Amino acid sequence: MLILWLERQLRRHSKYPKPGTRNPTITLRVADLADPKSIRTRELTPPPILLNQ
């Protein structure tokens, strides 16, 4: 059941931006599923080389 919930949460469709507009900004998170009663998430940050692009 947890997997089905996660699958629904991850399904997001996004159209490509029109020329001249900015690309969307996203956040990426990972979930530690070792203990289903205490799921912890952590936000991943981009590597420094990508921060100023």
PDB file of N, CA and C in Angstrom:
ATOM      1  N   MET A   1       0.824  -1.187   0.000  1.00  0.00           N
ATOM      2  CA  MET A   1       0.000   0.000   0.000  1.00  0.00           C
ATOM      3  C   MET A   1       0.873   1.259   0.000  1.00  0.00           C
ATOM      4  N   LEU A   2       1.965   1.237   0.720  1.00  0.00           N
ATOM      5  CA  LEU A   2       2.863   2.390   0.756  1.00  0.00           C
ATOM      6  C   LEU A   2       3.423   2.679  -0.629  1.00  0.00           C
ATOM      7  N   ILE A   3       3.771   1.630  -1.350  1.00  0.00           N
ATOM      8  CA  ILE A   3       4.337   1.813  -2.688  1.00  0.00           C
ATOM      9  C   ILE A   3       3.318   2.470  -3.612  1.00  0.00           C
ATOM     10  N   LEU A   4       2.066   2.058  -3.537  1.00  0.00           N
ATOM     11  CA  LEU A   4       1.038   2.673  -4.373  1.00  0.00           C
ATOM     12  C   LEU A   4       0.887   4.151  -4.041  1.00  0.00           C
ATOM     13  N   TRP A   5       0.938   4.488  -2.765  1.00  0.00           N
ATOM     14  CA  TRP A   5       0.835   5.894  -2.365  1.00  0.00           C
ATOM     15  C   TRP A   5       1.999   6.684  -2.945  1.00  0.00           C
ATOM     16  N   LEU A   6       3.211   6.124  -2.850  1.00  0.00           N
ATOM     17  CA  LEU A   6       4.374   6.826  -3.375  1.00  0.00           C
ATOM     18  C   LEU A   6       4.290   6.978  -4.884  1.00  0.00           C
ATOM     19  N   GLU A   7       3.814   5.952  -5.575  1.00  0.00           N
ATOM     20  CA  GLU A   7       3.692   6.043  -7.028  1.00  0.00           C
ATOM     21  C   GLU A   7       2.757   7.181  -7.419  1.00  0.00           C
ATOM     22  N   ARG A   8       1.660   7.334  -6.710  1.00  0.00           N
ATOM     23  CA  ARG A   8       0.728   8.415  -7.031  1.00  0.00           C
ATOM     24  C   ARG A   8       1.359   9.776  -6.764  1.00  0.00           C
ATOM     25  N   GLN A   9       2.173   9.857  -5.727  1.00  0.00           N
ATOM     26  CA  GLN A   9       2.805  11.127  -5.390  1.00  0.00           C
ATOM     27  C   GLN A   9       3.858  11.529  -6.416  1.00  0.00           C
ATOM     28  N   LEU A  10       4.497  10.557  -7.040  1.00  0.00           N
ATOM     29  CA  LEU A  10       5.594  10.859  -7.948  1.00  0.00           C
ATOM     30  C   LEU A  10       5.140  11.129  -9.369  1.00  0.00           C
ATOM     31  N   ARG A  11       3.910  10.853  -9.686  1.00  0.00           N
ATOM     32  CA  ARG A  11       3.435  11.052 -11.051  1.00  0.00           C
ATOM     33  C   ARG A  11       2.979  12.484 -11.252  1.00  0.00           C
ATOM     34  N   ARG A  12       3.874  13.265 -11.786  1.00  0.00           N
ATOM     35  CA  ARG A  12       3.531  14.657 -12.097  1.00  0.00           C
ATOM     36  C   ARG A  12       3.975  14.931 -13.517  1.00  0.00           C
ATOM     37  N   HIS A  13       3.083  15.458 -14.298  1.00  0.00           N
ATOM     38  CA  HIS A  13       3.403  15.763 -15.683  1.00  0.00           C
ATOM     39  C   HIS A  13       3.656  17.256 -15.816  1.00  0.00           C
ATOM     40  N   SER A  14       4.668  17.583 -16.568  1.00  0.00           N
ATOM     41  CA  SER A  14       5.006  18.984 -16.779  1.00  0.00           C
ATOM     42  C   SER A  14       5.344  19.179 -18.246  1.00  0.00           C
ATOM     43  N   LYS A  15       4.703  20.157 -18.865  1.00  0.00           N
ATOM     44  CA  LYS A  15       5.012  20.461 -20.258  1.00  0.00           C
ATOM     45  C   LYS A  15       6.314  21.246 -20.308  1.00  0.00           C
ATOM     46  N   TYR A  16       6.982  21.134 -21.428  1.00  0.00           N
ATOM     47  CA  TYR A  16       8.200  21.921 -21.602  1.00  0.00           C
ATOM     48  C   TYR A  16       7.839  23.402 -21.595  1.00  0.00           C
ATOM     49  N   PRO A  17       8.713  24.238 -21.012  1.00  0.00           N
ATOM     50  CA  PRO A  17       8.423  25.675 -21.038  1.00  0.00           C
ATOM     51  C   PRO A  17       8.528  26.227 -22.458  1.00  0.00           C
ATOM     52  N   LYS A  18       7.812  27.288 -22.692  1.00  0.00           N
ATOM     53  CA  LYS A  18       7.863  27.939 -24.006  1.00  0.00           C
ATOM     54  C   LYS A  18       9.217  28.615 -24.181  1.00  0.00           C
ATOM     55  N   PRO A  19       9.666  28.786 -25.425  1.00  0.00           N
ATOM     56  CA  PRO A  19      10.955  29.453 -25.656  1.00  0.00           C
ATOM     57  C   PRO A  19      10.992  30.827 -24.981  1.00  0.00           C
ATOM     58  N   GLY A  20      12.113  31.124 -24.349  1.00  0.00           N
ATOM     59  CA  GLY A  20      12.281  32.414 -23.687  1.00  0.00           C
ATOM     60  C   GLY A  20      11.824  32.431 -22.239  1.00  0.00           C
ATOM     61  N   THR A  21      11.191  31.358 -21.762  1.00  0.00           N
ATOM     62  CA  THR A  21      10.773  31.314 -20.358  1.00  0.00           C
ATOM     63  C   THR A  21      11.749  30.451 -19.567  1.00  0.00           C
ATOM     64  N   ARG A  22      11.737  30.630 -18.265  1.00  0.00           N
ATOM     65  CA  ARG A  22      12.649  29.878 -17.396  1.00  0.00           C
ATOM     66  C   ARG A  22      12.205  28.431 -17.258  1.00  0.00           C
ATOM     67  N   ASN A  23      13.167  27.552 -17.053  1.00  0.00           N
ATOM     68  CA  ASN A  23      12.854  26.161 -16.748  1.00  0.00           C
ATOM     69  C   ASN A  23      12.287  26.084 -15.336  1.00  0.00           C
ATOM     70  N   PRO A  24      11.432  25.108 -15.065  1.00  0.00           N
ATOM     71  CA  PRO A  24      10.875  24.984 -13.719  1.00  0.00           C
ATOM     72  C   PRO A  24      11.962  24.638 -12.696  1.00  0.00           C
ATOM     73  N   THR A  25      11.755  25.082 -11.480  1.00  0.00           N
ATOM     74  CA  THR A  25      12.650  24.747 -10.377  1.00  0.00           C
ATOM     75  C   THR A  25      12.014  23.609  -9.598  1.00  0.00           C
ATOM     76  N   ILE A  26      12.811  22.605  -9.256  1.00  0.00           N
ATOM     77  CA  ILE A  26      12.276  21.451  -8.537  1.00  0.00           C
ATOM     78  C   ILE A  26      13.107  21.182  -7.293  1.00  0.00           C
ATOM     79  N   THR A  27      12.581  20.345  -6.420  1.00  0.00           N
ATOM     80  CA  THR A  27      13.356  19.815  -5.304  1.00  0.00           C
ATOM     81  C   THR A  27      13.313  18.300  -5.415  1.00  0.00           C
ATOM     82  N   LEU A  28      14.388  17.671  -5.011  1.00  0.00           N
ATOM     83  CA  LEU A  28      14.482  16.216  -5.056  1.00  0.00           C
ATOM     84  C   LEU A  28      14.681  15.716  -3.639  1.00  0.00           C
ATOM     85  N   ARG A  29      13.852  14.767  -3.242  1.00  0.00           N
ATOM     86  CA  ARG A  29      13.938  14.218  -1.888  1.00  0.00           C
ATOM     87  C   ARG A  29      14.080  12.709  -1.950  1.00  0.00           C
ATOM     88  N   VAL A  30      14.751  12.157  -0.949  1.00  0.00           N
ATOM     89  CA  VAL A  30      14.872  10.712  -0.810  1.00  0.00           C
ATOM     90  C   VAL A  30      14.211  10.315   0.494  1.00  0.00           C
ATOM     91  N   ALA A  31      13.593   9.151   0.496  1.00  0.00           N
ATOM     92  CA  ALA A  31      12.919   8.663   1.693  1.00  0.00           C
ATOM     93  C   ALA A  31      13.605   7.398   2.180  1.00  0.00           C
ATOM     94  N   ASP A  32      13.860   7.336   3.481  1.00  0.00           N
ATOM     95  CA  ASP A  32      14.417   6.144   4.111  1.00  0.00           C
ATOM     96  C   ASP A  32      13.238   5.282   4.545  1.00  0.00           C
ATOM     97  N   LEU A  33      13.051   4.154   3.863  1.00  0.00           N
ATOM     98  CA  LEU A  33      11.898   3.293   4.113  1.00  0.00           C
ATOM     99  C   LEU A  33      12.243   2.092   4.976  1.00  0.00           C
ATOM    100  N   ALA A  34      13.390   2.109   5.637  1.00  0.00           N
ATOM    101  CA  ALA A  34      13.804   0.979   6.466  1.00  0.00           C
ATOM    102  C   ALA A  34      12.793   0.714   7.584  1.00  0.00           C
ATOM    103  N   ASP A  35      12.227   1.766   8.158  1.00  0.00           N
ATOM    104  CA  ASP A  35      11.219   1.622   9.215  1.00  0.00           C
ATOM    105  C   ASP A  35       9.933   2.291   8.735  1.00  0.00           C
ATOM    106  N   PRO A  36       8.960   1.504   8.240  1.00  0.00           N
ATOM    107  CA  PRO A  36       7.734   2.094   7.684  1.00  0.00           C
ATOM    108  C   PRO A  36       6.943   2.957   8.672  1.00  0.00           C
ATOM    109  N   LYS A  37       7.166   2.764   9.964  1.00  0.00           N
ATOM    110  CA  LYS A  37       6.438   3.558  10.959  1.00  0.00           C
ATOM    111  C   LYS A  37       7.093   4.917  11.185  1.00  0.00           C
ATOM    112  N   SER A  38       8.309   5.065  10.706  1.00  0.00           N
ATOM    113  CA  SER A  38       9.027   6.324  10.894  1.00  0.00           C
ATOM    114  C   SER A  38       9.817   6.644   9.625  1.00  0.00           C
ATOM    115  N   ILE A  39       9.113   7.031   8.582  1.00  0.00           N
ATOM    116  CA  ILE A  39       9.755   7.328   7.303  1.00  0.00           C
ATOM    117  C   ILE A  39      10.376   8.716   7.376  1.00  0.00           C
ATOM    118  N   ARG A  40      11.671   8.760   7.109  1.00  0.00           N
ATOM    119  CA  ARG A  40      12.384  10.036   7.133  1.00  0.00           C
ATOM    120  C   ARG A  40      12.735  10.434   5.709  1.00  0.00           C
ATOM    121  N   THR A  41      12.584  11.721   5.417  1.00  0.00           N
ATOM    122  CA  THR A  41      12.948  12.221   4.091  1.00  0.00           C
ATOM    123  C   THR A  41      14.080  13.230   4.226  1.00  0.00           C
ATOM    124  N   ARG A  42      14.830  13.347   3.150  1.00  0.00           N
ATOM    125  CA  ARG A  42      15.936  14.297   3.122  1.00  0.00           C
ATOM    126  C   ARG A  42      15.969  14.946   1.750  1.00  0.00           C
ATOM    127  N   GLU A  43      16.129  16.247   1.729  1.00  0.00           N
ATOM    128  CA  GLU A  43      16.213  16.966   0.462  1.00  0.00           C
ATOM    129  C   GLU A  43      17.643  16.907  -0.062  1.00  0.00           C
ATOM    130  N   LEU A  44      17.775  16.543  -1.330  1.00  0.00           N
ATOM    131  CA  LEU A  44      19.093  16.500  -1.959  1.00  0.00           C
ATOM    132  C   LEU A  44      19.378  17.852  -2.591  1.00  0.00           C
ATOM    133  N   THR A  45      20.611  18.264  -2.489  1.00  0.00           N
ATOM    134  CA  THR A  45      21.008  19.536  -3.094  1.00  0.00           C
ATOM    135  C   THR A  45      21.878  19.259  -4.318  1.00  0.00           C
ATOM    136  N   PRO A  46      21.840  20.139  -5.291  1.00  0.00           N
ATOM    137  CA  PRO A  46      22.660  19.929  -6.487  1.00  0.00           C
ATOM    138  C   PRO A  46      24.146  20.093  -6.163  1.00  0.00           C
ATOM    139  N   PRO A  47      24.999  19.462  -6.958  1.00  0.00           N
ATOM    140  CA  PRO A  47      26.434  19.652  -6.747  1.00  0.00           C
ATOM    141  C   PRO A  47      26.815  21.112  -7.004  1.00  0.00           C
ATOM    142  N   PRO A  48      27.855  21.592  -6.344  1.00  0.00           N
ATOM    143  CA  PRO A  48      28.250  23.008  -6.471  1.00  0.00           C
ATOM    144  C   PRO A  48      28.429  23.480  -7.913  1.00  0.00           C
ATOM    145  N   ILE A  49      28.898  22.616  -8.790  1.00  0.00           N
ATOM    146  CA  ILE A  49      29.138  23.030 -10.176  1.00  0.00           C
ATOM    147  C   ILE A  49      27.840  23.433 -10.890  1.00  0.00           C
ATOM    148  N   LEU A  50      26.704  22.930 -10.419  1.00  0.00           N
ATOM    149  CA  LEU A  50      25.418  23.237 -11.056  1.00  0.00           C
ATOM    150  C   LEU A  50      24.667  24.391 -10.406  1.00  0.00           C
ATOM    151  N   LEU A  51      25.112  24.867  -9.267  1.00  0.00           N
ATOM    152  CA  LEU A  51      24.362  25.881  -8.526  1.00  0.00           C
ATOM    153  C   LEU A  51      24.219  27.205  -9.259  1.00  0.00           C
ATOM    154  N   ASN A  52      25.175  27.601 -10.055  1.00  0.00           N
ATOM    155  CA  ASN A  52      25.118  28.910 -10.712  1.00  0.00           C
ATOM    156  C   ASN A  52      24.675  28.844 -12.160  1.00  0.00           C
ATOM    157  N   GLN A  53      24.047  27.777 -12.555  1.00  0.00           N
ATOM    158  CA  GLN A  53      23.614  27.658 -13.955  1.00  0.00           C
ATOM    159  C   GLN A  53      22.200  28.127 -14.119  1.00  0.00           C
TER     160      GLN A  53
END
